[in-house]
PDB file of all heavy atoms in Angstrom:
ATOM      1  N   PHE A   1     200.713 110.682 246.824  1.00  0.00           N
ATOM      2  CA  PHE A   1     200.028 109.457 246.399  1.00  0.00           C
ATOM      3  C   PHE A   1     200.902 108.531 245.566  1.00  0.00           C
ATOM      4  O   PHE A   1     200.669 107.317 245.529  1.00  0.00           O
ATOM      5  CB  PHE A   1     198.768 109.820 245.605  1.00  0.00           C
ATOM      6  CG  PHE A   1     197.669 110.392 246.453  1.00  0.00           C
ATOM      7  CD1 PHE A   1     197.421 111.755 246.467  1.00  0.00           C
ATOM      8  CD2 PHE A   1     196.895 109.575 247.259  1.00  0.00           C
ATOM      9  CE1 PHE A   1     196.405 112.288 247.252  1.00  0.00           C
ATOM     10  CE2 PHE A   1     195.879 110.094 248.055  1.00  0.00           C
ATOM     11  CZ  PHE A   1     195.636 111.456 248.050  1.00  0.00           C
ATOM     12  N   VAL A   2     201.911 109.062 244.891  1.00  0.00           N
ATOM     13  CA  VAL A   2     202.759 108.215 244.047  1.00  0.00           C
ATOM     14  C   VAL A   2     203.609 107.256 244.880  1.00  0.00           C
ATOM     15  O   VAL A   2     204.234 106.345 244.334  1.00  0.00           O
ATOM     16  CB  VAL A   2     203.635 109.079 243.118  1.00  0.00           C
ATOM     17  CG1 VAL A   2     204.822 109.686 243.869  1.00  0.00           C
ATOM     18  CG2 VAL A   2     204.091 108.289 241.895  1.00  0.00           C
ATOM     19  N   PHE A   3     203.624 107.432 246.195  1.00  0.00           N
ATOM     20  CA  PHE A   3     204.330 106.510 247.084  1.00  0.00           C
ATOM     21  C   PHE A   3     203.982 105.061 246.769  1.00  0.00           C
ATOM     22  O   PHE A   3     204.864 104.196 246.699  1.00  0.00           O
ATOM     23  CB  PHE A   3     203.980 106.822 248.545  1.00  0.00           C
ATOM     24  CG  PHE A   3     204.542 105.840 249.538  1.00  0.00           C
ATOM     25  CD1 PHE A   3     205.755 106.077 250.160  1.00  0.00           C
ATOM     26  CD2 PHE A   3     203.861 104.664 249.861  1.00  0.00           C
ATOM     27  CE1 PHE A   3     206.281 105.164 251.079  1.00  0.00           C
ATOM     28  CE2 PHE A   3     204.367 103.749 250.770  1.00  0.00           C
ATOM     29  CZ  PHE A   3     205.592 104.009 251.379  1.00  0.00           C
ATOM     30  N   ASP A   4     202.693 104.777 246.598  1.00  0.00           N
ATOM     31  CA  ASP A   4     202.253 103.407 246.317  1.00  0.00           C
ATOM     32  C   ASP A   4     202.959 102.825 245.099  1.00  0.00           C
ATOM     33  O   ASP A   4     203.413 101.678 245.106  1.00  0.00           O
ATOM     34  CB  ASP A   4     200.743 103.385 246.054  1.00  0.00           C
ATOM     35  CG  ASP A   4     199.927 103.207 247.330  1.00  0.00           C
ATOM     36  OD1 ASP A   4     200.511 102.913 248.382  1.00  0.00           O
ATOM     37  OD2 ASP A   4     198.694 103.362 247.252  1.00  0.00           O
ATOM     38  N   ASN A   5     203.025 103.624 244.041  1.00  0.00           N
ATOM     39  CA  ASN A   5     203.609 103.139 242.798  1.00  0.00           C
ATOM     40  C   ASN A   5     205.117 102.982 242.918  1.00  0.00           C
ATOM     41  O   ASN A   5     205.692 102.018 242.400  1.00  0.00           O
ATOM     42  CB  ASN A   5     203.251 104.096 241.663  1.00  0.00           C
ATOM     43  CG  ASN A   5     203.323 103.427 240.315  1.00  0.00           C
ATOM     44  OD1 ASN A   5     204.304 103.581 239.608  1.00  0.00           O
ATOM     45  ND2 ASN A   5     202.291 102.671 239.949  1.00  0.00           N
ATOM     46  N   GLN A   6     205.750 103.904 243.603  1.00  0.00           N
ATOM     47  CA  GLN A   6     207.189 103.798 243.823  1.00  0.00           C
ATOM     48  C   GLN A   6     207.515 102.541 244.620  1.00  0.00           C
ATOM     49  O   GLN A   6     208.500 101.849 244.328  1.00  0.00           O
ATOM     50  CB  GLN A   6     207.684 105.047 244.562  1.00  0.00           C
ATOM     51  CG  GLN A   6     207.624 106.318 243.735  1.00  0.00           C
ATOM     52  CD  GLN A   6     207.972 107.550 244.554  1.00  0.00           C
ATOM     53  OE1 GLN A   6     207.741 107.596 245.766  1.00  0.00           O
ATOM     54  NE2 GLN A   6     208.516 108.560 243.906  1.00  0.00           N
ATOM     55  N   MET A   7     206.697 102.228 245.598  1.00  0.00           N
ATOM     56  CA  MET A   7     206.931 101.045 246.430  1.00  0.00           C
ATOM     57  C   MET A   7     206.848  99.771 245.598  1.00  0.00           C
ATOM     58  O   MET A   7     207.667  98.852 245.756  1.00  0.00           O
ATOM     59  CB  MET A   7     205.919 101.021 247.570  1.00  0.00           C
ATOM     60  CG  MET A   7     206.210  99.982 248.638  1.00  0.00           C
ATOM     61  SD  MET A   7     205.050 100.163 250.022  1.00  0.00           S
ATOM     62  CE  MET A   7     205.671  98.882 251.130  1.00  0.00           C
ATOM     63  N   LEU A   8     205.893  99.704 244.693  1.00  0.00           N
ATOM     64  CA  LEU A   8     205.791  98.532 243.825  1.00  0.00           C
ATOM     65  C   LEU A   8     206.979  98.442 242.876  1.00  0.00           C
ATOM     66  O   LEU A   8     207.507  97.351 242.635  1.00  0.00           O
ATOM     67  CB  LEU A   8     204.494  98.588 243.015  1.00  0.00           C
ATOM     68  CG  LEU A   8     203.270  97.952 243.648  1.00  0.00           C
ATOM     69  CD1 LEU A   8     202.090  98.019 242.685  1.00  0.00           C
ATOM     70  CD2 LEU A   8     203.538  96.514 244.052  1.00  0.00           C
ATOM     71  N   ALA A   9     207.409  99.576 242.328  1.00  0.00           N
ATOM     72  CA  ALA A   9     208.572  99.573 241.444  1.00  0.00           C
ATOM     73  C   ALA A   9     209.807  99.064 242.190  1.00  0.00           C
ATOM     74  O   ALA A   9     210.601  98.284 241.647  1.00  0.00           O
ATOM     75  CB  ALA A   9     208.818 100.980 240.891  1.00  0.00           C
ATOM     76  N   GLN A  10     209.979  99.481 243.441  1.00  0.00           N
ATOM     77  CA  GLN A  10     211.111  99.014 244.239  1.00  0.00           C
ATOM     78  C   GLN A  10     211.010  97.512 244.507  1.00  0.00           C
ATOM     79  O   GLN A  10     212.015  96.791 244.481  1.00  0.00           O
ATOM     80  CB  GLN A  10     211.139  99.784 245.568  1.00  0.00           C
ATOM     81  CG  GLN A  10     211.489 101.256 245.424  1.00  0.00           C
ATOM     82  CD  GLN A  10     211.190 102.043 246.688  1.00  0.00           C
ATOM     83  OE1 GLN A  10     210.312 101.680 247.476  1.00  0.00           O
ATOM     84  NE2 GLN A  10     211.902 103.142 246.894  1.00  0.00           N
ATOM     85  N   THR A  11     209.801  97.045 244.756  1.00  0.00           N
ATOM     86  CA  THR A  11     209.583  95.621 245.020  1.00  0.00           C
ATOM     87  C   THR A  11     209.978  94.782 243.808  1.00  0.00           C
ATOM     88  O   THR A  11     210.647  93.746 243.927  1.00  0.00           O
ATOM     89  CB  THR A  11     208.108  95.378 245.380  1.00  0.00           C
ATOM     90  OG1 THR A  11     207.752  96.186 246.508  1.00  0.00           O
ATOM     91  CG2 THR A  11     207.860  93.914 245.705  1.00  0.00           C
ATOM     92  N   ILE A  12     209.582  95.238 242.636  1.00  0.00           N
ATOM     93  CA  ILE A  12     209.936  94.529 241.395  1.00  0.00           C
ATOM     94  C   ILE A  12     211.433  94.623 241.143  1.00  0.00           C
ATOM     95  O   ILE A  12     212.075  93.633 240.764  1.00  0.00           O
ATOM     96  CB  ILE A  12     209.141  95.110 240.212  1.00  0.00           C
ATOM     97  CG1 ILE A  12     207.641  94.832 240.399  1.00  0.00           C
ATOM     98  CG2 ILE A  12     209.625  94.527 238.886  1.00  0.00           C
ATOM     99  CD1 ILE A  12     206.757  95.599 239.439  1.00  0.00           C
ATOM    100  N   TYR A  13     212.008  95.787 241.362  1.00  0.00           N
ATOM    101  CA  TYR A  13     213.438  95.991 241.118  1.00  0.00           C
ATOM    102  C   TYR A  13     214.274  95.039 241.963  1.00  0.00           C
ATOM    103  O   TYR A  13     215.290  94.505 241.497  1.00  0.00           O
ATOM    104  CB  TYR A  13     213.815  97.440 241.410  1.00  0.00           C
ATOM    105  CG  TYR A  13     215.226  97.787 241.011  1.00  0.00           C
ATOM    106  CD1 TYR A  13     215.531  98.167 239.711  1.00  0.00           C
ATOM    107  CD2 TYR A  13     216.272  97.732 241.942  1.00  0.00           C
ATOM    108  CE1 TYR A  13     216.824  98.478 239.321  1.00  0.00           C
ATOM    109  CE2 TYR A  13     217.576  98.033 241.567  1.00  0.00           C
ATOM    110  CZ  TYR A  13     217.839  98.412 240.253  1.00  0.00           C
ATOM    111  OH  TYR A  13     219.144  98.702 239.877  1.00  0.00           O
ATOM    112  N   GLN A  14     213.845  94.796 243.196  1.00  0.00           N
ATOM    113  CA  GLN A  14     214.607  93.919 244.084  1.00  0.00           C
ATOM    114  C   GLN A  14     214.257  92.439 243.904  1.00  0.00           C
ATOM    115  O   GLN A  14     214.828  91.583 244.581  1.00  0.00           O
ATOM    116  CB  GLN A  14     214.392  94.339 245.545  1.00  0.00           C
ATOM    117  CG  GLN A  14     215.011  95.694 245.872  1.00  0.00           C
ATOM    118  CD  GLN A  14     215.191  95.908 247.365  1.00  0.00           C
ATOM    119  OE1 GLN A  14     215.143  94.973 248.156  1.00  0.00           O
ATOM    120  NE2 GLN A  14     215.421  97.155 247.754  1.00  0.00           N
ATOM    121  N   GLY A  15     213.367  92.141 243.007  1.00  0.00           N
ATOM    122  CA  GLY A  15     213.084  90.744 242.683  1.00  0.00           C
ATOM    123  C   GLY A  15     212.156  90.015 243.630  1.00  0.00           C
ATOM    124  O   GLY A  15     212.122  88.775 243.638  1.00  0.00           O
ATOM    125  N   PHE A  16     211.378  90.733 244.433  1.00  0.00           N
ATOM    126  CA  PHE A  16     210.431  90.073 245.313  1.00  0.00           C
ATOM    127  C   PHE A  16     209.240  89.542 244.514  1.00  0.00           C
ATOM    128  O   PHE A  16     208.866  90.087 243.472  1.00  0.00           O
ATOM    129  CB  PHE A  16     209.946  91.043 246.398  1.00  0.00           C
ATOM    130  CG  PHE A  16     210.977  91.344 247.451  1.00  0.00           C
ATOM    131  CD1 PHE A  16     211.568  92.597 247.523  1.00  0.00           C
ATOM    132  CD2 PHE A  16     211.372  90.369 248.350  1.00  0.00           C
ATOM    133  CE1 PHE A  16     212.526  92.882 248.487  1.00  0.00           C
ATOM    134  CE2 PHE A  16     212.330  90.636 249.327  1.00  0.00           C
ATOM    135  CZ  PHE A  16     212.911  91.891 249.393  1.00  0.00           C
ATOM    136  N   ARG A  17     208.635  88.497 245.009  1.00  0.00           N
ATOM    137  CA  ARG A  17     207.514  87.842 244.326  1.00  0.00           C
ATOM    138  C   ARG A  17     206.203  88.528 244.707  1.00  0.00           C
ATOM    139  O   ARG A  17     205.887  88.660 245.885  1.00  0.00           O
ATOM    140  CB  ARG A  17     207.461  86.367 244.713  1.00  0.00           C
ATOM    141  CG  ARG A  17     208.734  85.581 244.388  1.00  0.00           C
ATOM    142  CD  ARG A  17     208.767  84.275 245.186  1.00  0.00           C
ATOM    143  NE  ARG A  17     208.788  84.538 246.619  1.00  0.00           N
ATOM    144  CZ  ARG A  17     208.573  83.620 247.562  1.00  0.00           C
ATOM    145  NH1 ARG A  17     208.305  82.373 247.212  1.00  0.00           N
ATOM    146  NH2 ARG A  17     208.609  83.950 248.846  1.00  0.00           N
ATOM    147  N   ILE A  18     205.439  88.945 243.691  1.00  0.00           N
ATOM    148  CA  ILE A  18     204.183  89.650 243.919  1.00  0.00           C
ATOM    149  C   ILE A  18     203.018  88.793 243.441  1.00  0.00           C
ATOM    150  O   ILE A  18     202.988  88.356 242.288  1.00  0.00           O
ATOM    151  CB  ILE A  18     204.160  90.997 243.175  1.00  0.00           C
ATOM    152  CG1 ILE A  18     205.338  91.868 243.607  1.00  0.00           C
ATOM    153  CG2 ILE A  18     202.840  91.726 243.431  1.00  0.00           C
ATOM    154  CD1 ILE A  18     205.478  93.148 242.806  1.00  0.00           C
ATOM    155  N   GLY A  19     202.060  88.550 244.322  1.00  0.00           N
ATOM    156  CA  GLY A  19     200.845  87.840 243.961  1.00  0.00           C
ATOM    157  C   GLY A  19     199.669  88.800 243.874  1.00  0.00           C
ATOM    158  O   GLY A  19     199.703  89.906 244.428  1.00  0.00           O
ATOM    159  N   GLU A  20     198.631  88.388 243.186  1.00  0.00           N
ATOM    160  CA  GLU A  20     197.419  89.195 243.064  1.00  0.00           C
ATOM    161  C   GLU A  20     196.190  88.328 243.299  1.00  0.00           C
ATOM    162  O   GLU A  20     196.194  87.127 243.020  1.00  0.00           O
ATOM    163  CB  GLU A  20     197.302  89.815 241.669  1.00  0.00           C
ATOM    164  CG  GLU A  20     198.343  90.863 241.331  1.00  0.00           C
ATOM    165  CD  GLU A  20     198.081  91.488 239.969  1.00  0.00           C
ATOM    166  OE1 GLU A  20     198.456  90.866 238.959  1.00  0.00           O
ATOM    167  OE2 GLU A  20     197.486  92.579 239.936  1.00  0.00           O
ATOM    168  N   LEU A  21     195.140  88.953 243.798  1.00  0.00           N
ATOM    169  CA  LEU A  21     193.834  88.304 243.854  1.00  0.00           C
ATOM    170  C   LEU A  21     192.766  89.331 243.518  1.00  0.00           C
ATOM    171  O   LEU A  21     192.972  90.533 243.638  1.00  0.00           O
ATOM    172  CB  LEU A  21     193.583  87.636 245.209  1.00  0.00           C
ATOM    173  CG  LEU A  21     193.758  88.419 246.510  1.00  0.00           C
ATOM    174  CD1 LEU A  21     192.622  89.398 246.730  1.00  0.00           C
ATOM    175  CD2 LEU A  21     193.827  87.456 247.685  1.00  0.00           C
ATOM    176  N   SER A  22     191.632  88.845 243.060  1.00  0.00           N
ATOM    177  CA  SER A  22     190.554  89.729 242.638  1.00  0.00           C
ATOM    178  C   SER A  22     189.838  90.323 243.841  1.00  0.00           C
ATOM    179  O   SER A  22     189.568  89.631 244.825  1.00  0.00           O
ATOM    180  CB  SER A  22     189.566  88.952 241.765  1.00  0.00           C
ATOM    181  OG  SER A  22     188.507  89.786 241.348  1.00  0.00           O
ATOM    182  N   CYS A  23     189.535  91.627 243.756  1.00  0.00           N
ATOM    183  CA  CYS A  23     188.907  92.324 244.871  1.00  0.00           C
ATOM    184  C   CYS A  23     187.765  93.209 244.380  1.00  0.00           C
ATOM    185  O   CYS A  23     187.981  94.068 243.515  1.00  0.00           O
ATOM    186  CB  CYS A  23     189.945  93.184 245.593  1.00  0.00           C
ATOM    187  SG  CYS A  23     189.274  94.201 246.927  1.00  0.00           S
ATOM    188  N   PRO A  24     186.566  93.038 244.920  1.00  0.00           N
ATOM    189  CA  PRO A  24     185.493  93.982 244.600  1.00  0.00           C
ATOM    190  C   PRO A  24     185.800  95.326 245.235  1.00  0.00           C
ATOM    191  O   PRO A  24     186.555  95.404 246.215  1.00  0.00           O
ATOM    192  CB  PRO A  24     184.251  93.340 245.229  1.00  0.00           C
ATOM    193  CG  PRO A  24     184.799  92.522 246.361  1.00  0.00           C
ATOM    194  CD  PRO A  24     186.141  92.019 245.890  1.00  0.00           C
ATOM    195  N   THR A  25     185.242  96.381 244.697  1.00  0.00           N
ATOM    196  CA  THR A  25     185.497  97.701 245.260  1.00  0.00           C
ATOM    197  C   THR A  25     184.208  98.499 245.282  1.00  0.00           C
ATOM    198  O   THR A  25     183.266  98.201 244.552  1.00  0.00           O
ATOM    199  CB  THR A  25     186.584  98.445 244.462  1.00  0.00           C
ATOM    200  OG1 THR A  25     186.905  99.662 245.118  1.00  0.00           O
ATOM    201  CG2 THR A  25     186.115  98.744 243.049  1.00  0.00           C
ATOM    202  N   ARG A  26     184.172  99.492 246.147  1.00  0.00           N
ATOM    203  CA  ARG A  26     182.984 100.319 246.289  1.00  0.00           C
ATOM    204  C   ARG A  26     183.362 101.785 246.103  1.00  0.00           C
ATOM    205  O   ARG A  26     184.329 102.264 246.699  1.00  0.00           O
ATOM    206  CB  ARG A  26     182.363 100.171 247.681  1.00  0.00           C
ATOM    207  CG  ARG A  26     182.174  98.753 248.176  1.00  0.00           C
ATOM    208  CD  ARG A  26     181.626  98.777 249.597  1.00  0.00           C
ATOM    209  NE  ARG A  26     181.505  97.449 250.182  1.00  0.00           N
ATOM    210  CZ  ARG A  26     182.432  96.886 250.939  1.00  0.00           C
ATOM    211  NH1 ARG A  26     183.565  97.535 251.180  1.00  0.00           N
ATOM    212  NH2 ARG A  26     182.254  95.684 251.444  1.00  0.00           N
ATOM    213  N   TYR A  27     182.615 102.493 245.302  1.00  0.00           N
ATOM    214  CA  TYR A  27     182.771 103.942 245.174  1.00  0.00           C
ATOM    215  C   TYR A  27     181.494 104.592 245.684  1.00  0.00           C
ATOM    216  O   TYR A  27     180.412 104.342 245.170  1.00  0.00           O
ATOM    217  CB  TYR A  27     183.034 104.331 243.720  1.00  0.00           C
ATOM    218  CG  TYR A  27     184.455 104.052 243.282  1.00  0.00           C
ATOM    219  CD1 TYR A  27     184.849 102.781 242.893  1.00  0.00           C
ATOM    220  CD2 TYR A  27     185.418 105.062 243.288  1.00  0.00           C
ATOM    221  CE1 TYR A  27     186.155 102.510 242.516  1.00  0.00           C
ATOM    222  CE2 TYR A  27     186.726 104.807 242.913  1.00  0.00           C
ATOM    223  CZ  TYR A  27     187.085 103.528 242.530  1.00  0.00           C
ATOM    224  OH  TYR A  27     188.384 103.264 242.165  1.00  0.00           O
ATOM    225  N   PHE A  28     181.613 105.406 246.719  1.00  0.00           N
ATOM    226  CA  PHE A  28     180.455 106.087 247.306  1.00  0.00           C
ATOM    227  C   PHE A  28     180.969 107.389 247.922  1.00  0.00           C
ATOM    228  O   PHE A  28     182.187 107.591 248.069  1.00  0.00           O
ATOM    229  CB  PHE A  28     179.773 105.196 248.351  1.00  0.00           C
ATOM    230  CG  PHE A  28     180.674 104.690 249.434  1.00  0.00           C
ATOM    231  CD1 PHE A  28     180.741 105.329 250.664  1.00  0.00           C
ATOM    232  CD2 PHE A  28     181.473 103.548 249.237  1.00  0.00           C
ATOM    233  CE1 PHE A  28     181.584 104.858 251.664  1.00  0.00           C
ATOM    234  CE2 PHE A  28     182.304 103.069 250.233  1.00  0.00           C
ATOM    235  CZ  PHE A  28     182.357 103.732 251.453  1.00  0.00           C
TER     236      PHE A  28
END
């Protein structure tokens, strides 16, 4: 599962631009 976090760290390390938007979520 840590793959996701490693991928973001690599993205930041290489200087790529990251955007965010708000997302509702469901837990069921």
